[in-house]
Amino acid sequence: LAELDKEKRRLLQSQSLGAVGCPGASVGLAARPGLKETRD
């Protein structure tokens, strides 16, 4: 659980830095509000 929490924080931090499109950044659509609007 600690490892999962650490990975989650790393992904959220990379997302906030604009690295959403980086390989390995597998964050679900629910964690990225606005992605659907951007795609539409």
Full PDB file with SEQRES, HELIX, SHEET, SSBOND, CRYST1, ORIGX, SCALE, CONECT and MASTER records, all heavy atoms in Angstrom:
SEQRES   1 A   40  LEU ALA GLU LEU ASP LYS GLU LYS ARG ARG LEU LEU GLN          
SEQRES   2 A   40  SER GLN SER LEU GLY ALA VAL GLY CYS PRO GLY ALA SER          
SEQRES   3 A   40  VAL GLY LEU ALA ALA ARG PRO GLY LEU LYS GLU THR ARG          
SEQRES   4 A   40  ASP                                                          
HELIX    1 AA1 ALA A    2  SER A   16  1                                  15    
HELIX    2 AA2 LEU A   29  ALA A   31  5                                   3    
HELIX    3 AA3 LEU A   35  ARG A   39  1                                   5    
CRYST1    1.000    1.000    1.000  90.00  90.00  90.00 P 1           1          
ORIGX1      1.000000  0.000000  0.000000        0.00000                         
ORIGX2      0.000000  1.000000  0.000000        0.00000                         
ORIGX3      0.000000  0.000000  1.000000        0.00000                         
SCALE1      1.000000  0.000000  0.000000        0.00000                         
SCALE2      0.000000  1.000000  0.000000        0.00000                         
SCALE3      0.000000  0.000000  1.000000        0.00000                         
ATOM      1  N   LEU A   1       0.825  -1.216   0.000  1.00  0.00           N  
ATOM      2  CA  LEU A   1       0.000   0.000   0.000  1.00  0.00           C  
ATOM      3  C   LEU A   1       0.857   1.264   0.000  1.00  0.00           C  
ATOM      4  O   LEU A   1       0.534   2.242  -0.671  1.00  0.00           O  
ATOM      5  CB  LEU A   1      -0.945  -0.008   1.203  1.00  0.00           C  
ATOM      6  CG  LEU A   1      -2.097  -1.015   1.130  1.00  0.00           C  
ATOM      7  CD1 LEU A   1      -2.871  -1.032   2.437  1.00  0.00           C  
ATOM      8  CD2 LEU A   1      -3.015  -0.698  -0.031  1.00  0.00           C  
ATOM      9  N   ALA A   2       1.967   1.228   0.746  1.00  0.00           N  
ATOM     10  CA  ALA A   2       2.862   2.387   0.767  1.00  0.00           C  
ATOM     11  C   ALA A   2       3.474   2.614  -0.609  1.00  0.00           C  
ATOM     12  O   ALA A   2       3.589   3.756  -1.068  1.00  0.00           O  
ATOM     13  CB  ALA A   2       3.955   2.183   1.818  1.00  0.00           C  
ATOM     14  N   GLU A   3       3.852   1.535  -1.281  1.00  0.00           N  
ATOM     15  CA  GLU A   3       4.435   1.648  -2.632  1.00  0.00           C  
ATOM     16  C   GLU A   3       3.400   2.190  -3.618  1.00  0.00           C  
ATOM     17  O   GLU A   3       3.709   3.042  -4.456  1.00  0.00           O  
ATOM     18  CB  GLU A   3       4.948   0.276  -3.083  1.00  0.00           C  
ATOM     19  CG  GLU A   3       5.642   0.294  -4.425  1.00  0.00           C  
ATOM     20  CD  GLU A   3       6.943   1.099  -4.405  1.00  0.00           C  
ATOM     21  OE1 GLU A   3       7.597   1.176  -3.353  1.00  0.00           O  
ATOM     22  OE2 GLU A   3       7.285   1.643  -5.462  1.00  0.00           O  
ATOM     23  N   LEU A   4       2.158   1.712  -3.520  1.00  0.00           N  
ATOM     24  CA  LEU A   4       1.095   2.218  -4.396  1.00  0.00           C  
ATOM     25  C   LEU A   4       0.820   3.698  -4.149  1.00  0.00           C  
ATOM     26  O   LEU A   4       0.613   4.468  -5.097  1.00  0.00           O  
ATOM     27  CB  LEU A   4      -0.190   1.411  -4.197  1.00  0.00           C  
ATOM     28  CG  LEU A   4      -0.184  -0.006  -4.755  1.00  0.00           C  
ATOM     29  CD1 LEU A   4      -1.443  -0.747  -4.335  1.00  0.00           C  
ATOM     30  CD2 LEU A   4      -0.053   0.015  -6.259  1.00  0.00           C  
ATOM     31  N   ASP A   5       0.804   4.103  -2.886  1.00  0.00           N  
ATOM     32  CA  ASP A   5       0.582   5.501  -2.549  1.00  0.00           C  
ATOM     33  C   ASP A   5       1.709   6.371  -3.100  1.00  0.00           C  
ATOM     34  O   ASP A   5       1.470   7.458  -3.647  1.00  0.00           O  
ATOM     35  CB  ASP A   5       0.470   5.663  -1.032  1.00  0.00           C  
ATOM     36  CG  ASP A   5       0.015   7.051  -0.644  1.00  0.00           C  
ATOM     37  OD1 ASP A   5      -0.965   7.545  -1.243  1.00  0.00           O  
ATOM     38  OD2 ASP A   5       0.647   7.649   0.247  1.00  0.00           O  
ATOM     39  N   LYS A   6       2.931   5.876  -2.985  1.00  0.00           N  
ATOM     40  CA  LYS A   6       4.092   6.609  -3.500  1.00  0.00           C  
ATOM     41  C   LYS A   6       3.991   6.781  -5.024  1.00  0.00           C  
ATOM     42  O   LYS A   6       4.227   7.860  -5.569  1.00  0.00           O  
ATOM     43  CB  LYS A   6       5.365   5.846  -3.128  1.00  0.00           C  
ATOM     44  CG  LYS A   6       6.650   6.484  -3.552  1.00  0.00           C  
ATOM     45  CD  LYS A   6       7.816   5.620  -3.079  1.00  0.00           C  
ATOM     46  CE  LYS A   6       9.120   6.074  -3.681  1.00  0.00           C  
ATOM     47  NZ  LYS A   6      10.237   5.209  -3.286  1.00  0.00           N  
ATOM     48  N   GLU A   7       3.611   5.710  -5.713  1.00  0.00           N  
ATOM     49  CA  GLU A   7       3.454   5.760  -7.177  1.00  0.00           C  
ATOM     50  C   GLU A   7       2.328   6.719  -7.564  1.00  0.00           C  
ATOM     51  O   GLU A   7       2.450   7.487  -8.525  1.00  0.00           O  
ATOM     52  CB  GLU A   7       3.168   4.350  -7.702  1.00  0.00           C  
ATOM     53  CG  GLU A   7       3.016   4.260  -9.199  1.00  0.00           C  
ATOM     54  CD  GLU A   7       4.310   4.471  -9.959  1.00  0.00           C  
ATOM     55  OE1 GLU A   7       5.393   4.454  -9.348  1.00  0.00           O  
ATOM     56  OE2 GLU A   7       4.235   4.659 -11.182  1.00  0.00           O  
ATOM     57  N   LYS A   8       1.232   6.690  -6.810  1.00  0.00           N  
ATOM     58  CA  LYS A   8       0.114   7.580  -7.093  1.00  0.00           C  
ATOM     59  C   LYS A   8       0.539   9.045  -6.964  1.00  0.00           C  
ATOM     60  O   LYS A   8       0.228   9.874  -7.821  1.00  0.00           O  
ATOM     61  CB  LYS A   8      -1.024   7.284  -6.122  1.00  0.00           C  
ATOM     62  CG  LYS A   8      -2.243   8.160  -6.289  1.00  0.00           C  
ATOM     63  CD  LYS A   8      -3.289   7.794  -5.266  1.00  0.00           C  
ATOM     64  CE  LYS A   8      -4.434   8.774  -5.274  1.00  0.00           C  
ATOM     65  NZ  LYS A   8      -5.411   8.476  -4.211  1.00  0.00           N  
ATOM     66  N   ARG A   9       1.274   9.352  -5.907  1.00  0.00           N  
ATOM     67  CA  ARG A   9       1.746  10.730  -5.712  1.00  0.00           C  
ATOM     68  C   ARG A   9       2.692  11.152  -6.834  1.00  0.00           C  
ATOM     69  O   ARG A   9       2.629  12.275  -7.313  1.00  0.00           O  
ATOM     70  CB  ARG A   9       2.445  10.862  -4.365  1.00  0.00           C  
ATOM     71  CG  ARG A   9       1.487  10.835  -3.209  1.00  0.00           C  
ATOM     72  CD  ARG A   9       2.211  11.016  -1.903  1.00  0.00           C  
ATOM     73  NE  ARG A   9       1.278  10.841  -0.792  1.00  0.00           N  
ATOM     74  CZ  ARG A   9       1.646  10.617   0.438  1.00  0.00           C  
ATOM     75  NH1 ARG A   9       2.932  10.523   0.740  1.00  0.00           N  
ATOM     76  NH2 ARG A   9       0.760  10.470   1.383  1.00  0.00           N  
ATOM     77  N   ARG A  10       3.554  10.234  -7.261  1.00  0.00           N  
ATOM     78  CA  ARG A  10       4.487  10.541  -8.344  1.00  0.00           C  
ATOM     79  C   ARG A  10       3.734  10.842  -9.637  1.00  0.00           C  
ATOM     80  O   ARG A  10       4.044  11.797 -10.350  1.00  0.00           O  
ATOM     81  CB  ARG A  10       5.460   9.371  -8.557  1.00  0.00           C  
ATOM     82  CG  ARG A  10       6.549   9.682  -9.595  1.00  0.00           C  
ATOM     83  CD  ARG A  10       7.395   8.463  -9.916  1.00  0.00           C  
ATOM     84  NE  ARG A  10       6.643   7.399 -10.559  1.00  0.00           N  
ATOM     85  CZ  ARG A  10       6.312   7.390 -11.853  1.00  0.00           C  
ATOM     86  NH1 ARG A  10       6.637   8.396 -12.633  1.00  0.00           N  
ATOM     87  NH2 ARG A  10       5.633   6.385 -12.362  1.00  0.00           N  
ATOM     88  N   LEU A  11       2.721  10.036  -9.931  1.00  0.00           N  
ATOM     89  CA  LEU A  11       1.934  10.256 -11.147  1.00  0.00           C  
ATOM     90  C   LEU A  11       1.154  11.567 -11.084  1.00  0.00           C  
ATOM     91  O   LEU A  11       1.081  12.298 -12.073  1.00  0.00           O  
ATOM     92  CB  LEU A  11       0.989   9.086 -11.379  1.00  0.00           C  
ATOM     93  CG  LEU A  11       1.654   7.775 -11.797  1.00  0.00           C  
ATOM     94  CD1 LEU A  11       0.638   6.645 -11.817  1.00  0.00           C  
ATOM     95  CD2 LEU A  11       2.317   7.917 -13.144  1.00  0.00           C  
ATOM     96  N   LEU A  12       0.572  11.859  -9.924  1.00  0.00           N  
ATOM     97  CA  LEU A  12      -0.164  13.116  -9.794  1.00  0.00           C  
ATOM     98  C   LEU A  12       0.766  14.314  -9.922  1.00  0.00           C  
ATOM     99  O   LEU A  12       0.417  15.329 -10.506  1.00  0.00           O  
ATOM    100  CB  LEU A  12      -0.917  13.150  -8.464  1.00  0.00           C  
ATOM    101  CG  LEU A  12      -2.119  12.210  -8.374  1.00  0.00           C  
ATOM    102  CD1 LEU A  12      -2.697  12.205  -6.969  1.00  0.00           C  
ATOM    103  CD2 LEU A  12      -3.169  12.578  -9.395  1.00  0.00           C  
ATOM    104  N   GLN A  13       1.972  14.184  -9.379  1.00  0.00           N  
ATOM    105  CA  GLN A  13       2.939  15.275  -9.479  1.00  0.00           C  
ATOM    106  C   GLN A  13       3.387  15.457 -10.927  1.00  0.00           C  
ATOM    107  O   GLN A  13       3.471  16.582 -11.414  1.00  0.00           O  
ATOM    108  CB  GLN A  13       4.148  14.996  -8.590  1.00  0.00           C  
ATOM    109  CG  GLN A  13       5.171  16.108  -8.608  1.00  0.00           C  
ATOM    110  CD  GLN A  13       6.371  15.801  -7.721  1.00  0.00           C  
ATOM    111  OE1 GLN A  13       6.528  14.683  -7.258  1.00  0.00           O  
ATOM    112  NE2 GLN A  13       7.212  16.787  -7.513  1.00  0.00           N  
ATOM    113  N   SER A  14       3.639  14.371 -11.635  1.00  0.00           N  
ATOM    114  CA  SER A  14       4.063  14.490 -13.031  1.00  0.00           C  
ATOM    115  C   SER A  14       2.930  15.057 -13.885  1.00  0.00           C  
ATOM    116  O   SER A  14       3.173  15.795 -14.828  1.00  0.00           O  
ATOM    117  CB  SER A  14       4.524  13.143 -13.574  1.00  0.00           C  
ATOM    118  OG  SER A  14       3.442  12.250 -13.694  1.00  0.00           O  
ATOM    119  N   GLN A  15       1.695  14.736 -13.516  1.00  0.00           N  
ATOM    120  CA  GLN A  15       0.550  15.291 -14.240  1.00  0.00           C  
ATOM    121  C   GLN A  15       0.474  16.792 -14.039  1.00  0.00           C  
ATOM    122  O   GLN A  15       0.243  17.546 -14.981  1.00  0.00           O  
ATOM    123  CB  GLN A  15      -0.737  14.641 -13.763  1.00  0.00           C  
ATOM    124  CG  GLN A  15      -1.989  15.247 -14.382  1.00  0.00           C  
ATOM    125  CD  GLN A  15      -3.253  14.738 -13.731  1.00  0.00           C  
ATOM    126  OE1 GLN A  15      -3.220  13.807 -12.943  1.00  0.00           O  
ATOM    127  NE2 GLN A  15      -4.363  15.347 -14.042  1.00  0.00           N  
ATOM    128  N   SER A  16       0.674  17.243 -12.828  1.00  0.00           N  
ATOM    129  CA  SER A  16       0.581  18.673 -12.552  1.00  0.00           C  
ATOM    130  C   SER A  16       1.732  19.447 -13.189  1.00  0.00           C  
ATOM    131  O   SER A  16       1.622  20.633 -13.431  1.00  0.00           O  
ATOM    132  CB  SER A  16       0.550  18.931 -11.050  1.00  0.00           C  
ATOM    133  OG  SER A  16       1.787  18.593 -10.463  1.00  0.00           O  
ATOM    134  N   LEU A  17       2.814  18.766 -13.514  1.00  0.00           N  
ATOM    135  CA  LEU A  17       3.937  19.419 -14.174  1.00  0.00           C  
ATOM    136  C   LEU A  17       3.800  19.414 -15.686  1.00  0.00           C  
ATOM    137  O   LEU A  17       4.672  19.869 -16.398  1.00  0.00           O  
ATOM    138  CB  LEU A  17       5.254  18.735 -13.771  1.00  0.00           C  
ATOM    139  CG  LEU A  17       5.648  18.872 -12.306  1.00  0.00           C  
ATOM    140  CD1 LEU A  17       6.895  18.042 -12.022  1.00  0.00           C  
ATOM    141  CD2 LEU A  17       5.888  20.313 -11.946  1.00  0.00           C  
ATOM    142  N   GLY A  18       2.715  18.849 -16.199  1.00  0.00           N  
ATOM    143  CA  GLY A  18       2.480  18.852 -17.635  1.00  0.00           C  
ATOM    144  C   GLY A  18       3.047  17.650 -18.337  1.00  0.00           C  
ATOM    145  O   GLY A  18       3.168  17.626 -19.548  1.00  0.00           O  
ATOM    146  N   ALA A  19       3.370  16.602 -17.626  1.00  0.00           N  
ATOM    147  CA  ALA A  19       3.941  15.413 -18.235  1.00  0.00           C  
ATOM    148  C   ALA A  19       2.897  14.330 -18.395  1.00  0.00           C  
ATOM    149  O   ALA A  19       3.177  13.161 -18.223  1.00  0.00           O  
ATOM    150  CB  ALA A  19       5.101  14.901 -17.385  1.00  0.00           C  
ATOM    151  N   VAL A  20       1.677  14.706 -18.744  1.00  0.00           N  
ATOM    152  CA  VAL A  20       0.598  13.738 -18.862  1.00  0.00           C  
ATOM    153  C   VAL A  20       0.855  12.757 -19.991  1.00  0.00           C  
ATOM    154  O   VAL A  20       0.551  11.588 -19.893  1.00  0.00           O  
ATOM    155  CB  VAL A  20      -0.750  14.474 -19.085  1.00  0.00           C  
ATOM    156  CG1 VAL A  20      -1.862  13.490 -19.310  1.00  0.00           C  
ATOM    157  CG2 VAL A  20      -1.050  15.367 -17.898  1.00  0.00           C  
ATOM    158  N   GLY A  21       1.452  13.206 -21.085  1.00  0.00           N  
ATOM    159  CA  GLY A  21       1.669  12.344 -22.237  1.00  0.00           C  
ATOM    160  C   GLY A  21       2.919  11.497 -22.158  1.00  0.00           C  
ATOM    161  O   GLY A  21       3.264  10.842 -23.112  1.00  0.00           O  
ATOM    162  N   CYS A  22       3.621  11.483 -21.041  1.00  0.00           N  
ATOM    163  CA  CYS A  22       4.856  10.716 -20.916  1.00  0.00           C  
ATOM    164  C   CYS A  22       4.548   9.228 -20.873  1.00  0.00           C  
ATOM    165  O   CYS A  22       3.561   8.818 -20.284  1.00  0.00           O  
ATOM    166  CB  CYS A  22       5.620  11.097 -19.652  1.00  0.00           C  
ATOM    167  SG  CYS A  22       6.264  12.760 -19.703  1.00  0.00           S  
ATOM    168  N   PRO A  23       5.423   8.401 -21.460  1.00  0.00           N  
ATOM    169  CA  PRO A  23       5.226   6.956 -21.371  1.00  0.00           C  
ATOM    170  C   PRO A  23       5.280   6.522 -19.914  1.00  0.00           C  
ATOM    171  O   PRO A  23       6.070   7.008 -19.138  1.00  0.00           O  
ATOM    172  CB  PRO A  23       6.414   6.379 -22.148  1.00  0.00           C  
ATOM    173  CG  PRO A  23       6.936   7.499 -22.976  1.00  0.00           C  
ATOM    174  CD  PRO A  23       6.564   8.768 -22.259  1.00  0.00           C  
ATOM    175  N   GLY A  24       4.403   5.602 -19.565  1.00  0.00           N  
ATOM    176  CA  GLY A  24       4.380   5.091 -18.209  1.00  0.00           C  
ATOM    177  C   GLY A  24       3.463   5.869 -17.287  1.00  0.00           C  
ATOM    178  O   GLY A  24       3.219   5.454 -16.175  1.00  0.00           O  
ATOM    179  N   ALA A  25       2.954   6.993 -17.731  1.00  0.00           N  
ATOM    180  CA  ALA A  25       2.052   7.778 -16.883  1.00  0.00           C  
ATOM    181  C   ALA A  25       0.640   7.281 -17.132  1.00  0.00           C  
ATOM    182  O   ALA A  25      -0.102   7.833 -17.915  1.00  0.00           O  
ATOM    183  CB  ALA A  25       2.169   9.266 -17.208  1.00  0.00           C  
ATOM    184  N   SER A  26       0.290   6.211 -16.459  1.00  0.00           N  
ATOM    185  CA  SER A  26      -1.010   5.583 -16.695  1.00  0.00           C  
ATOM    186  C   SER A  26      -2.003   6.023 -15.642  1.00  0.00           C  
ATOM    187  O   SER A  26      -2.324   5.288 -14.734  1.00  0.00           O  
ATOM    188  CB  SER A  26      -0.858   4.058 -16.704  1.00  0.00           C  
ATOM    189  OG  SER A  26      -0.288   3.648 -15.483  1.00  0.00           O  
ATOM    190  N   VAL A  27      -2.504   7.227 -15.771  1.00  0.00           N  
ATOM    191  CA  VAL A  27      -3.508   7.758 -14.869  1.00  0.00           C  
ATOM    192  C   VAL A  27      -4.846   7.629 -15.577  1.00  0.00           C  
ATOM    193  O   VAL A  27      -4.975   7.959 -16.742  1.00  0.00           O  
ATOM    194  CB  VAL A  27      -3.218   9.236 -14.516  1.00  0.00           C  
ATOM    195  CG1 VAL A  27      -4.299   9.795 -13.622  1.00  0.00           C  
ATOM    196  CG2 VAL A  27      -1.862   9.368 -13.868  1.00  0.00           C  
ATOM    197  N   GLY A  28      -5.864   7.156 -14.880  1.00  0.00           N  
ATOM    198  CA  GLY A  28      -7.171   6.947 -15.473  1.00  0.00           C  
ATOM    199  C   GLY A  28      -7.842   8.257 -15.837  1.00  0.00           C  
ATOM    200  O   GLY A  28      -7.458   9.327 -15.383  1.00  0.00           O  
ATOM    201  N   LEU A  29      -8.902   8.167 -16.650  1.00  0.00           N  
ATOM    202  CA  LEU A  29      -9.628   9.361 -17.086  1.00  0.00           C  
ATOM    203  C   LEU A  29     -10.281  10.074 -15.915  1.00  0.00           C  
ATOM    204  O   LEU A  29     -10.394  11.294 -15.924  1.00  0.00           O  
ATOM    205  CB  LEU A  29     -10.702   8.967 -18.108  1.00  0.00           C  
ATOM    206  CG  LEU A  29     -10.206   8.506 -19.469  1.00  0.00           C  
ATOM    207  CD1 LEU A  29     -11.390   8.099 -20.334  1.00  0.00           C  
ATOM    208  CD2 LEU A  29      -9.400   9.578 -20.153  1.00  0.00           C  
ATOM    209  N   ALA A  30     -10.690   9.339 -14.899  1.00  0.00           N  
ATOM    210  CA  ALA A  30     -11.356   9.976 -13.768  1.00  0.00           C  
ATOM    211  C   ALA A  30     -10.398  10.878 -13.002  1.00  0.00           C  
ATOM    212  O   ALA A  30     -10.816  11.840 -12.374  1.00  0.00           O  
ATOM    213  CB  ALA A  30     -11.922   8.913 -12.837  1.00  0.00           C  
ATOM    214  N   ALA A  31      -9.107  10.579 -13.041  1.00  0.00           N  
ATOM    215  CA  ALA A  31      -8.135  11.397 -12.322  1.00  0.00           C  
ATOM    216  C   ALA A  31      -7.761  12.652 -13.099  1.00  0.00           C  
ATOM    217  O   ALA A  31      -7.076  13.513 -12.584  1.00  0.00           O  
ATOM    218  CB  ALA A  31      -6.884  10.577 -12.038  1.00  0.00           C  
ATOM    219  N   ARG A  32      -8.190  12.747 -14.352  1.00  0.00           N  
ATOM    220  CA  ARG A  32      -7.851  13.900 -15.183  1.00  0.00           C  
ATOM    221  C   ARG A  32      -9.116  14.585 -15.670  1.00  0.00           C  
ATOM    222  O   ARG A  32      -9.521  14.409 -16.807  1.00  0.00           O  
ATOM    223  CB  ARG A  32      -7.017  13.461 -16.381  1.00  0.00           C  
ATOM    224  CG  ARG A  32      -5.641  13.010 -16.010  1.00  0.00           C  
ATOM    225  CD  ARG A  32      -4.844  12.748 -17.234  1.00  0.00           C  
ATOM    226  NE  ARG A  32      -5.170  11.412 -17.729  1.00  0.00           N  
ATOM    227  CZ  ARG A  32      -4.544  10.829 -18.725  1.00  0.00           C  
ATOM    228  NH1 ARG A  32      -3.586  11.442 -19.350  1.00  0.00           N  
ATOM    229  NH2 ARG A  32      -4.888   9.631 -19.115  1.00  0.00           N  
ATOM    230  N   PRO A  33      -9.782  15.368 -14.832  1.00  0.00           N  
ATOM    231  CA  PRO A  33     -10.968  16.075 -15.311  1.00  0.00           C  
ATOM    232  C   PRO A  33     -10.562  17.062 -16.392  1.00  0.00           C  
ATOM    233  O   PRO A  33      -9.514  17.666 -16.329  1.00  0.00           O  
ATOM    234  CB  PRO A  33     -11.492  16.777 -14.063  1.00  0.00           C  
ATOM    235  CG  PRO A  33     -10.327  16.873 -13.144  1.00  0.00           C  
ATOM    236  CD  PRO A  33      -9.441  15.693 -13.467  1.00  0.00           C  
ATOM    237  N   GLY A  34     -11.392  17.192 -17.388  1.00  0.00           N  
ATOM    238  CA  GLY A  34     -11.088  18.104 -18.476  1.00  0.00           C  
ATOM    239  C   GLY A  34     -10.523  17.391 -19.687  1.00  0.00           C  
ATOM    240  O   GLY A  34     -10.496  17.951 -20.766  1.00  0.00           O  
ATOM    241  N   LEU A  35     -10.061  16.155 -19.537  1.00  0.00           N  
ATOM    242  CA  LEU A  35      -9.511  15.417 -20.671  1.00  0.00           C  
ATOM    243  C   LEU A  35     -10.597  15.136 -21.699  1.00  0.00           C  
ATOM    244  O   LEU A  35     -10.378  15.280 -22.888  1.00  0.00           O  
ATOM    245  CB  LEU A  35      -8.858  14.117 -20.206  1.00  0.00           C  
ATOM    246  CG  LEU A  35      -8.225  13.280 -21.311  1.00  0.00           C  
ATOM    247  CD1 LEU A  35      -7.055  14.059 -21.928  1.00  0.00           C  
ATOM    248  CD2 LEU A  35      -7.731  11.965 -20.770  1.00  0.00           C  
ATOM    249  N   LYS A  36     -11.791  14.765 -21.227  1.00  0.00           N  
ATOM    250  CA  LYS A  36     -12.891  14.488 -22.149  1.00  0.00           C  
ATOM    251  C   LYS A  36     -13.261  15.743 -22.932  1.00  0.00           C  
ATOM    252  O   LYS A  36     -13.472  15.682 -24.134  1.00  0.00           O  
ATOM    253  CB  LYS A  36     -14.102  13.970 -21.381  1.00  0.00           C  
ATOM    254  CG  LYS A  36     -15.265  13.571 -22.280  1.00  0.00           C  
ATOM    255  CD  LYS A  36     -16.410  13.049 -21.450  1.00  0.00           C  
ATOM    256  CE  LYS A  36     -17.569  12.537 -22.242  1.00  0.00           C  
ATOM    257  NZ  LYS A  36     -17.932  13.211 -23.429  1.00  0.00           N  
ATOM    258  N   GLU A  37     -13.305  16.890 -22.238  1.00  0.00           N  
ATOM    259  CA  GLU A  37     -13.639  18.138 -22.919  1.00  0.00           C  
ATOM    260  C   GLU A  37     -12.574  18.492 -23.952  1.00  0.00           C  
ATOM    261  O   GLU A  37     -12.884  18.962 -25.041  1.00  0.00           O  
ATOM    262  CB  GLU A  37     -13.799  19.280 -21.908  1.00  0.00           C  
ATOM    263  CG  GLU A  37     -15.022  19.164 -21.035  1.00  0.00           C  
ATOM    264  CD  GLU A  37     -14.819  18.257 -19.827  1.00  0.00           C  
ATOM    265  OE1 GLU A  37     -13.667  17.837 -19.567  1.00  0.00           O  
ATOM    266  OE2 GLU A  37     -15.813  17.940 -19.150  1.00  0.00           O  
ATOM    267  N   THR A  38     -11.321  18.261 -23.617  1.00  0.00           N  
ATOM    268  CA  THR A  38     -10.229  18.537 -24.547  1.00  0.00           C  
ATOM    269  C   THR A  38     -10.338  17.651 -25.770  1.00  0.00           C  
ATOM    270  O   THR A  38     -10.183  18.101 -26.901  1.00  0.00           O  
ATOM    271  CB  THR A  38      -8.866  18.319 -23.858  1.00  0.00           C  
ATOM    272  OG1 THR A  38      -8.806  19.142 -22.705  1.00  0.00           O  
ATOM    273  CG2 THR A  38      -7.718  18.639 -24.787  1.00  0.00           C  
ATOM    274  N   ARG A  39     -10.632  16.358 -25.541  1.00  0.00           N  
ATOM    275  CA  ARG A  39     -10.759  15.423 -26.658  1.00  0.00           C  
ATOM    276  C   ARG A  39     -11.947  15.803 -27.528  1.00  0.00           C  
ATOM    277  O   ARG A  39     -11.859  15.781 -28.755  1.00  0.00           O  
ATOM    278  CB  ARG A  39     -10.907  13.995 -26.125  1.00  0.00           C  
ATOM    279  CG  ARG A  39     -10.909  12.959 -27.241  1.00  0.00           C  
ATOM    280  CD  ARG A  39     -11.035  11.545 -26.720  1.00  0.00           C  
ATOM    281  NE  ARG A  39     -12.300  11.382 -26.037  1.00  0.00           N  
ATOM    282  CZ  ARG A  39     -12.441  10.829 -24.853  1.00  0.00           C  
ATOM    283  NH1 ARG A  39     -11.417  10.398 -24.194  1.00  0.00           N  
ATOM    284  NH2 ARG A  39     -13.632  10.710 -24.294  1.00  0.00           N  
ATOM    285  N   ASP A  40     -13.087  16.174 -26.902  1.00  0.00           N  
ATOM    286  CA  ASP A  40     -14.260  16.576 -27.672  1.00  0.00           C  
ATOM    287  C   ASP A  40     -13.978  17.824 -28.495  1.00  0.00           C  
ATOM    288  O   ASP A  40     -14.399  17.929 -29.644  1.00  0.00           O  
ATOM    289  CB  ASP A  40     -15.446  16.823 -26.745  1.00  0.00           C  
ATOM    290  CG  ASP A  40     -15.989  15.543 -26.136  1.00  0.00           C  
ATOM    291  OD1 ASP A  40     -15.633  14.453 -26.616  1.00  0.00           O  
ATOM    292  OD2 ASP A  40     -16.763  15.641 -25.156  1.00  0.00           O  
TER     293      ASP A  40                                                      
MASTER        0    0    0    3    0    0    0    6  292    1    0    4          
END                                                                             
